[in-house]
């Protein structure tokens, strides 16, 4: 009887692992779709291009924030 409980537990843990893997795959897909929407010109780009353009876009946004912060400080806003 004890052996049956162990196999039931193993089956349940496999089921939980499968569900977690499926959820993780769905989450990655959803996050990639969101990234494609956020980065200009990446609607149908492959993953390598998407990541490269994302890095460039982040650097552009950081430099724009730096310029705007300095302008705001110089005008006393």
PDB file of N, CA and C in Angstrom:
ATOM      1  N   UNK A   1       0.813  -1.191   0.000  1.00  0.00           N
ATOM      2  CA  UNK A   1       0.000   0.000   0.000  1.00  0.00           C
ATOM      3  C   UNK A   1       0.860   1.259   0.000  1.00  0.00           C
ATOM      4  N   UNK A   2       1.944   1.170   0.683  1.00  0.00           N
ATOM      5  CA  UNK A   2       2.830   2.311   0.741  1.00  0.00           C
ATOM      6  C   UNK A   2       3.444   2.607  -0.633  1.00  0.00           C
ATOM      7  N   UNK A   3       3.725   1.573  -1.393  1.00  0.00           N
ATOM      8  CA  UNK A   3       4.306   1.737  -2.711  1.00  0.00           C
ATOM      9  C   UNK A   3       3.344   2.476  -3.646  1.00  0.00           C
ATOM     10  N   UNK A   4       2.062   2.195  -3.518  1.00  0.00           N
ATOM     11  CA  UNK A   4       1.061   2.857  -4.357  1.00  0.00           C
ATOM     12  C   UNK A   4       1.028   4.349  -4.083  1.00  0.00           C
ATOM     13  N   UNK A   5       1.201   4.750  -2.850  1.00  0.00           N
ATOM     14  CA  UNK A   5       1.202   6.171  -2.502  1.00  0.00           C
ATOM     15  C   UNK A   5       2.389   6.878  -3.134  1.00  0.00           C
ATOM     16  N   UNK A   6       3.525   6.210  -3.148  1.00  0.00           N
ATOM     17  CA  UNK A   6       4.704   6.821  -3.759  1.00  0.00           C
ATOM     18  C   UNK A   6       4.512   7.023  -5.257  1.00  0.00           C
ATOM     19  N   UNK A   7       3.960   6.028  -5.919  1.00  0.00           N
ATOM     20  CA  UNK A   7       3.762   6.173  -7.363  1.00  0.00           C
ATOM     21  C   UNK A   7       2.726   7.246  -7.661  1.00  0.00           C
ATOM     22  N   UNK A   8       1.727   7.360  -6.806  1.00  0.00           N
ATOM     23  CA  UNK A   8       0.727   8.416  -6.991  1.00  0.00           C
ATOM     24  C   UNK A   8       1.382   9.781  -6.826  1.00  0.00           C
ATOM     25  N   UNK A   9       2.260   9.905  -5.833  1.00  0.00           N
ATOM     26  CA  UNK A   9       2.973  11.162  -5.620  1.00  0.00           C
ATOM     27  C   UNK A   9       3.880  11.505  -6.791  1.00  0.00           C
ATOM     28  N   UNK A  10       4.515  10.500  -7.352  1.00  0.00           N
ATOM     29  CA  UNK A  10       5.389  10.714  -8.496  1.00  0.00           C
ATOM     30  C   UNK A  10       4.581  11.149  -9.710  1.00  0.00           C
ATOM     31  N   UNK A  11       3.432  10.514  -9.894  1.00  0.00           N
ATOM     32  CA  UNK A  11       2.559  10.905 -11.005  1.00  0.00           C
ATOM     33  C   UNK A  11       2.100  12.348 -10.845  1.00  0.00           C
ATOM     34  N   UNK A  12       1.748  12.705  -9.630  1.00  0.00           N
ATOM     35  CA  UNK A  12       1.288  14.069  -9.379  1.00  0.00           C
ATOM     36  C   UNK A  12       2.412  15.071  -9.611  1.00  0.00           C
ATOM     37  N   UNK A  13       3.623  14.737  -9.178  1.00  0.00           N
ATOM     38  CA  UNK A  13       4.729  15.666  -9.369  1.00  0.00           C
ATOM     39  C   UNK A  13       5.062  15.801 -10.856  1.00  0.00           C
ATOM     40  N   UNK A  14       4.956  14.719 -11.619  1.00  0.00           N
ATOM     41  CA  UNK A  14       5.169  14.819 -13.070  1.00  0.00           C
ATOM     42  C   UNK A  14       4.126  15.704 -13.707  1.00  0.00           C
ATOM     43  N   UNK A  15       2.885  15.572 -13.263  1.00  0.00           N
ATOM     44  CA  UNK A  15       1.807  16.393 -13.790  1.00  0.00           C
ATOM     45  C   UNK A  15       2.054  17.863 -13.472  1.00  0.00           C
ATOM     46  N   UNK A  16       2.457  18.126 -12.257  1.00  0.00           N
ATOM     47  CA  UNK A  16       2.752  19.502 -11.856  1.00  0.00           C
ATOM     48  C   UNK A  16       3.909  20.049 -12.680  1.00  0.00           C
ATOM     49  N   UNK A  17       4.947  19.259 -12.895  1.00  0.00           N
ATOM     50  CA  UNK A  17       6.087  19.701 -13.692  1.00  0.00           C
ATOM     51  C   UNK A  17       5.680  19.990 -15.131  1.00  0.00           C
ATOM     52  N   UNK A  18       4.824  19.142 -15.695  1.00  0.00           N
ATOM     53  CA  UNK A  18       4.347  19.385 -17.063  1.00  0.00           C
ATOM     54  C   UNK A  18       3.557  20.682 -17.138  1.00  0.00           C
ATOM     55  N   UNK A  19       2.709  20.921 -16.141  1.00  0.00           N
ATOM     56  CA  UNK A  19       1.918  22.154 -16.134  1.00  0.00           C
ATOM     57  C   UNK A  19       2.815  23.373 -15.995  1.00  0.00           C
ATOM     58  N   UNK A  20       3.847  23.270 -15.133  1.00  0.00           N
ATOM     59  CA  UNK A  20       4.776  24.386 -14.967  1.00  0.00           C
ATOM     60  C   UNK A  20       5.544  24.657 -16.250  1.00  0.00           C
ATOM     61  N   UNK A  21       5.965  23.596 -16.929  1.00  0.00           N
ATOM     62  CA  UNK A  21       6.700  23.759 -18.177  1.00  0.00           C
ATOM     63  C   UNK A  21       5.812  24.395 -19.239  1.00  0.00           C
ATOM     64  N   UNK A  22       4.563  23.974 -19.301  1.00  0.00           N
ATOM     65  CA  UNK A  22       3.629  24.542 -20.270  1.00  0.00           C
ATOM     66  C   UNK A  22       3.382  26.016 -19.966  1.00  0.00           C
ATOM     67  N   UNK A  23       3.226  26.346 -18.675  1.00  0.00           N
ATOM     68  CA  UNK A  23       3.012  27.732 -18.282  1.00  0.00           C
ATOM     69  C   UNK A  23       4.239  28.575 -18.597  1.00  0.00           C
ATOM     70  N   UNK A  24       5.438  28.033 -18.348  1.00  0.00           N
ATOM     71  CA  UNK A  24       6.671  28.766 -18.624  1.00  0.00           C
ATOM     72  C   UNK A  24       6.798  29.044 -20.117  1.00  0.00           C
ATOM     73  N   UNK A  25       6.467  28.059 -20.934  1.00  0.00           N
ATOM     74  CA  UNK A  25       6.535  28.240 -22.387  1.00  0.00           C
ATOM     75  C   UNK A  25       5.548  29.319 -22.826  1.00  0.00           C
ATOM     76  N   UNK A  26       4.348  29.296 -22.253  1.00  0.00           N
ATOM     77  CA  UNK A  26       3.347  30.304 -22.573  1.00  0.00           C
ATOM     78  C   UNK A  26       3.820  31.684 -22.132  1.00  0.00           C
ATOM     79  N   UNK A  27       4.438  31.763 -20.939  1.00  0.00           N
ATOM     80  CA  UNK A  27       4.919  33.042 -20.420  1.00  0.00           C
ATOM     81  C   UNK A  27       6.014  33.621 -21.306  1.00  0.00           C
ATOM     82  N   UNK A  28       6.935  32.777 -21.748  1.00  0.00           N
ATOM     83  CA  UNK A  28       8.005  33.243 -22.627  1.00  0.00           C
ATOM     84  C   UNK A  28       7.412  33.767 -23.927  1.00  0.00           C
ATOM     85  N   UNK A  29       6.468  33.042 -24.493  1.00  0.00           N
ATOM     86  CA  UNK A  29       5.826  33.470 -25.735  1.00  0.00           C
ATOM     87  C   UNK A  29       5.122  34.813 -25.542  1.00  0.00           C
ATOM     88  N   UNK A  30       4.400  34.948 -24.436  1.00  0.00           N
ATOM     89  CA  UNK A  30       3.687  36.193 -24.157  1.00  0.00           C
ATOM     90  C   UNK A  30       4.668  37.348 -23.981  1.00  0.00           C
ATOM     91  N   UNK A  31       5.771  37.112 -23.273  1.00  0.00           N
ATOM     92  CA  UNK A  31       6.757  38.168 -23.055  1.00  0.00           C
ATOM     93  C   UNK A  31       7.457  38.571 -24.352  1.00  0.00           C
ATOM     94  N   UNK A  32       7.731  37.603 -25.224  1.00  0.00           N
ATOM     95  CA  UNK A  32       8.333  37.933 -26.510  1.00  0.00           C
ATOM     96  C   UNK A  32       7.374  38.739 -27.377  1.00  0.00           C
ATOM     97  N   UNK A  33       6.095  38.399 -27.329  1.00  0.00           N
ATOM     98  CA  UNK A  33       5.103  39.171 -28.085  1.00  0.00           C
ATOM     99  C   UNK A  33       5.028  40.606 -27.576  1.00  0.00           C
ATOM    100  N   UNK A  34       5.088  40.775 -26.268  1.00  0.00           N
ATOM    101  CA  UNK A  34       5.069  42.114 -25.676  1.00  0.00           C
ATOM    102  C   UNK A  34       6.308  42.894 -26.085  1.00  0.00           C
ATOM    103  N   UNK A  35       7.470  42.235 -26.072  1.00  0.00           N
ATOM    104  CA  UNK A  35       8.712  42.894 -26.478  1.00  0.00           C
ATOM    105  C   UNK A  35       8.646  43.314 -27.934  1.00  0.00           C
ATOM    106  N   UNK A  36       8.095  42.455 -28.790  1.00  0.00           N
ATOM    107  CA  UNK A  36       7.947  42.806 -30.209  1.00  0.00           C
ATOM    108  C   UNK A  36       7.079  44.044 -30.391  1.00  0.00           C
ATOM    109  N   UNK A  37       6.069  44.205 -29.552  1.00  0.00           N
ATOM    110  CA  UNK A  37       5.194  45.375 -29.646  1.00  0.00           C
ATOM    111  C   UNK A  37       5.881  46.641 -29.137  1.00  0.00           C
ATOM    112  N   UNK A  38       6.772  46.499 -28.178  1.00  0.00           N
ATOM    113  CA  UNK A  38       7.411  47.659 -27.562  1.00  0.00           C
ATOM    114  C   UNK A  38       8.563  48.221 -28.383  1.00  0.00           C
ATOM    115  N   UNK A  39       9.291  47.353 -29.062  1.00  0.00           N
ATOM    116  CA  UNK A  39      10.464  47.785 -29.819  1.00  0.00           C
ATOM    117  C   UNK A  39      10.030  48.096 -31.248  1.00  0.00           C
ATOM    118  N   UNK A  40      10.287  49.322 -31.709  1.00  0.00           N
ATOM    119  CA  UNK A  40       9.862  49.693 -33.059  1.00  0.00           C
ATOM    120  C   UNK A  40      10.565  48.857 -34.138  1.00  0.00           C
ATOM    121  N   UNK A  41       9.803  48.441 -35.129  1.00  0.00           N
ATOM    122  CA  UNK A  41      10.351  47.711 -36.265  1.00  0.00           C
ATOM    123  C   UNK A  41      10.639  46.246 -36.008  1.00  0.00           C
ATOM    124  N   UNK A  42      10.098  45.673 -34.951  1.00  0.00           N
ATOM    125  CA  UNK A  42      10.384  44.275 -34.622  1.00  0.00           C
ATOM    126  C   UNK A  42       9.135  43.407 -34.681  1.00  0.00           C
ATOM    127  N   UNK A  43       8.149  43.792 -35.436  1.00  0.00           N
ATOM    128  CA  UNK A  43       6.907  43.046 -35.488  1.00  0.00           C
ATOM    129  C   UNK A  43       7.066  41.599 -35.907  1.00  0.00           C
ATOM    130  N   UNK A  44       7.932  41.349 -36.882  1.00  0.00           N
ATOM    131  CA  UNK A  44       8.118  39.967 -37.344  1.00  0.00           C
ATOM    132  C   UNK A  44       9.599  39.609 -37.455  1.00  0.00           C
ATOM    133  N   UNK A  45      10.408  40.187 -36.578  1.00  0.00           N
ATOM    134  CA  UNK A  45      11.843  39.916 -36.582  1.00  0.00           C
ATOM    135  C   UNK A  45      12.135  38.596 -35.871  1.00  0.00           C
ATOM    136  N   UNK A  46      13.251  37.963 -36.241  1.00  0.00           N
ATOM    137  CA  UNK A  46      13.658  36.740 -35.541  1.00  0.00           C
ATOM    138  C   UNK A  46      14.210  37.117 -34.162  1.00  0.00           C
ATOM    139  N   UNK A  47      14.474  36.108 -33.340  1.00  0.00           N
ATOM    140  CA  UNK A  47      14.866  36.367 -31.948  1.00  0.00           C
ATOM    141  C   UNK A  47      16.174  37.140 -31.842  1.00  0.00           C
ATOM    142  N   UNK A  48      17.160  36.787 -32.631  1.00  0.00           N
ATOM    143  CA  UNK A  48      18.453  37.477 -32.545  1.00  0.00           C
ATOM    144  C   UNK A  48      18.299  38.954 -32.881  1.00  0.00           C
ATOM    145  N   UNK A  49      17.577  39.247 -33.956  1.00  0.00           N
ATOM    146  CA  UNK A  49      17.333  40.631 -34.351  1.00  0.00           C
ATOM    147  C   UNK A  49      16.521  41.355 -33.291  1.00  0.00           C
ATOM    148  N   UNK A  50      15.528  40.663 -32.738  1.00  0.00           N
ATOM    149  CA  UNK A  50      14.700  41.262 -31.693  1.00  0.00           C
ATOM    150  C   UNK A  50      15.541  41.673 -30.497  1.00  0.00           C
ATOM    151  N   UNK A  51      16.438  40.799 -30.043  1.00  0.00           N
ATOM    152  CA  UNK A  51      17.269  41.122 -28.891  1.00  0.00           C
ATOM    153  C   UNK A  51      18.273  42.229 -29.206  1.00  0.00           C
ATOM    154  N   UNK A  52      18.848  42.199 -30.393  1.00  0.00           N
ATOM    155  CA  UNK A  52      19.799  43.252 -30.768  1.00  0.00           C
ATOM    156  C   UNK A  52      19.114  44.609 -30.836  1.00  0.00           C
ATOM    157  N   UNK A  53      17.954  44.657 -31.471  1.00  0.00           N
ATOM    158  CA  UNK A  53      17.225  45.927 -31.568  1.00  0.00           C
ATOM    159  C   UNK A  53      16.718  46.383 -30.207  1.00  0.00           C
ATOM    160  N   UNK A  54      16.395  45.426 -29.339  1.00  0.00           N
ATOM    161  CA  UNK A  54      15.963  45.777 -27.989  1.00  0.00           C
ATOM    162  C   UNK A  54      17.078  46.475 -27.236  1.00  0.00           C
ATOM    163  N   UNK A  55      18.300  45.954 -27.367  1.00  0.00           N
ATOM    164  CA  UNK A  55      19.448  46.570 -26.702  1.00  0.00           C
ATOM    165  C   UNK A  55      19.675  47.977 -27.226  1.00  0.00           C
ATOM    166  N   UNK A  56      19.624  48.140 -28.538  1.00  0.00           N
ATOM    167  CA  UNK A  56      19.807  49.464 -29.136  1.00  0.00           C
ATOM    168  C   UNK A  56      18.706  50.408 -28.664  1.00  0.00           C
ATOM    169  N   UNK A  57      17.476  49.926 -28.631  1.00  0.00           N
ATOM    170  CA  UNK A  57      16.346  50.754 -28.203  1.00  0.00           C
ATOM    171  C   UNK A  57      16.499  51.187 -26.746  1.00  0.00           C
ATOM    172  N   UNK A  58      16.941  50.273 -25.893  1.00  0.00           N
ATOM    173  CA  UNK A  58      17.144  50.609 -24.481  1.00  0.00           C
ATOM    174  C   UNK A  58      18.234  51.671 -24.341  1.00  0.00           C
ATOM    175  N   UNK A  59      19.312  51.524 -25.084  1.00  0.00           N
ATOM    176  CA  UNK A  59      20.396  52.516 -25.024  1.00  0.00           C
ATOM    177  C   UNK A  59      19.914  53.880 -25.511  1.00  0.00           C
ATOM    178  N   UNK A  60      19.092  53.908 -26.565  1.00  0.00           N
ATOM    179  CA  UNK A  60      18.544  55.169 -27.054  1.00  0.00           C
ATOM    180  C   UNK A  60      17.636  55.812 -26.014  1.00  0.00           C
ATOM    181  N   UNK A  61      16.819  55.004 -25.361  1.00  0.00           N
ATOM    182  CA  UNK A  61      15.928  55.545 -24.332  1.00  0.00           C
ATOM    183  C   UNK A  61      16.714  56.083 -23.137  1.00  0.00           C
ATOM    184  N   UNK A  62      17.777  55.377 -22.761  1.00  0.00           N
ATOM    185  CA  UNK A  62      18.613  55.852 -21.648  1.00  0.00           C
ATOM    186  C   UNK A  62      19.281  57.174 -21.991  1.00  0.00           C
ATOM    187  N   UNK A  63      19.792  57.305 -23.204  1.00  0.00           N
ATOM    188  CA  UNK A  63      20.447  58.559 -23.589  1.00  0.00           C
ATOM    189  C   UNK A  63      19.426  59.691 -23.697  1.00  0.00           C
ATOM    190  N   UNK A  64      18.233  59.395 -24.174  1.00  0.00           N
ATOM    191  CA  UNK A  64      17.182  60.406 -24.241  1.00  0.00           C
ATOM    192  C   UNK A  64      16.779  60.870 -22.846  1.00  0.00           C
ATOM    193  N   UNK A  65      16.666  59.939 -21.907  1.00  0.00           N
ATOM    194  CA  UNK A  65      16.342  60.295 -20.528  1.00  0.00           C
ATOM    195  C   UNK A  65      17.445  61.165 -19.928  1.00  0.00           C
ATOM    196  N   UNK A  66      18.699  60.854 -20.233  1.00  0.00           N
ATOM    197  CA  UNK A  66      19.826  61.637 -19.739  1.00  0.00           C
ATOM    198  C   UNK A  66      19.758  63.071 -20.260  1.00  0.00           C
ATOM    199  N   UNK A  67      19.516  63.223 -21.545  1.00  0.00           N
ATOM    200  CA  UNK A  67      19.419  64.556 -22.154  1.00  0.00           C
ATOM    201  C   UNK A  67      18.254  65.328 -21.555  1.00  0.00           C
ATOM    202  N   UNK A  68      17.100  64.690 -21.447  1.00  0.00           N
ATOM    203  CA  UNK A  68      15.930  65.381 -20.895  1.00  0.00           C
ATOM    204  C   UNK A  68      16.136  65.762 -19.434  1.00  0.00           C
ATOM    205  N   UNK A  69      16.790  64.898 -18.661  1.00  0.00           N
ATOM    206  CA  UNK A  69      17.072  65.208 -17.255  1.00  0.00           C
ATOM    207  C   UNK A  69      18.001  66.426 -17.160  1.00  0.00           C
ATOM    208  N   UNK A  70      19.017  66.480 -18.002  1.00  0.00           N
ATOM    209  CA  UNK A  70      19.929  67.615 -17.985  1.00  0.00           C
ATOM    210  C   UNK A  70      19.245  68.906 -18.433  1.00  0.00           C
ATOM    211  N   UNK A  71      18.367  68.787 -19.423  1.00  0.00           N
ATOM    212  CA  UNK A  71      17.618  69.978 -19.853  1.00  0.00           C
ATOM    213  C   UNK A  71      16.702  70.471 -18.737  1.00  0.00           C
ATOM    214  N   UNK A  72      16.037  69.567 -18.077  1.00  0.00           N
ATOM    215  CA  UNK A  72      15.147  69.934 -16.978  1.00  0.00           C
ATOM    216  C   UNK A  72      15.937  70.585 -15.841  1.00  0.00           C
ATOM    217  N   UNK A  73      17.114  70.056 -15.543  1.00  0.00           N
ATOM    218  CA  UNK A  73      17.947  70.639 -14.480  1.00  0.00           C
ATOM    219  C   UNK A  73      18.453  72.024 -14.857  1.00  0.00           C
ATOM    220  N   UNK A  74      18.817  72.211 -16.114  1.00  0.00           N
ATOM    221  CA  UNK A  74      19.344  73.510 -16.536  1.00  0.00           C
ATOM    222  C   UNK A  74      18.259  74.577 -16.581  1.00  0.00           C
ATOM    223  N   UNK A  75      17.018  74.195 -16.826  1.00  0.00           N
ATOM    224  CA  UNK A  75      15.925  75.168 -16.838  1.00  0.00           C
ATOM    225  C   UNK A  75      15.213  75.261 -15.500  1.00  0.00           C
ATOM    226  N   UNK A  76      15.664  74.480 -14.528  1.00  0.00           N
ATOM    227  CA  UNK A  76      15.091  74.558 -13.176  1.00  0.00           C
ATOM    228  C   UNK A  76      13.705  73.976 -13.075  1.00  0.00           C
ATOM    229  N   UNK A  77      13.403  73.003 -13.872  1.00  0.00           N
ATOM    230  CA  UNK A  77      12.070  72.380 -13.829  1.00  0.00           C
ATOM    231  C   UNK A  77      12.057  71.244 -12.846  1.00  0.00           C
TER     232      UNK A  77
END
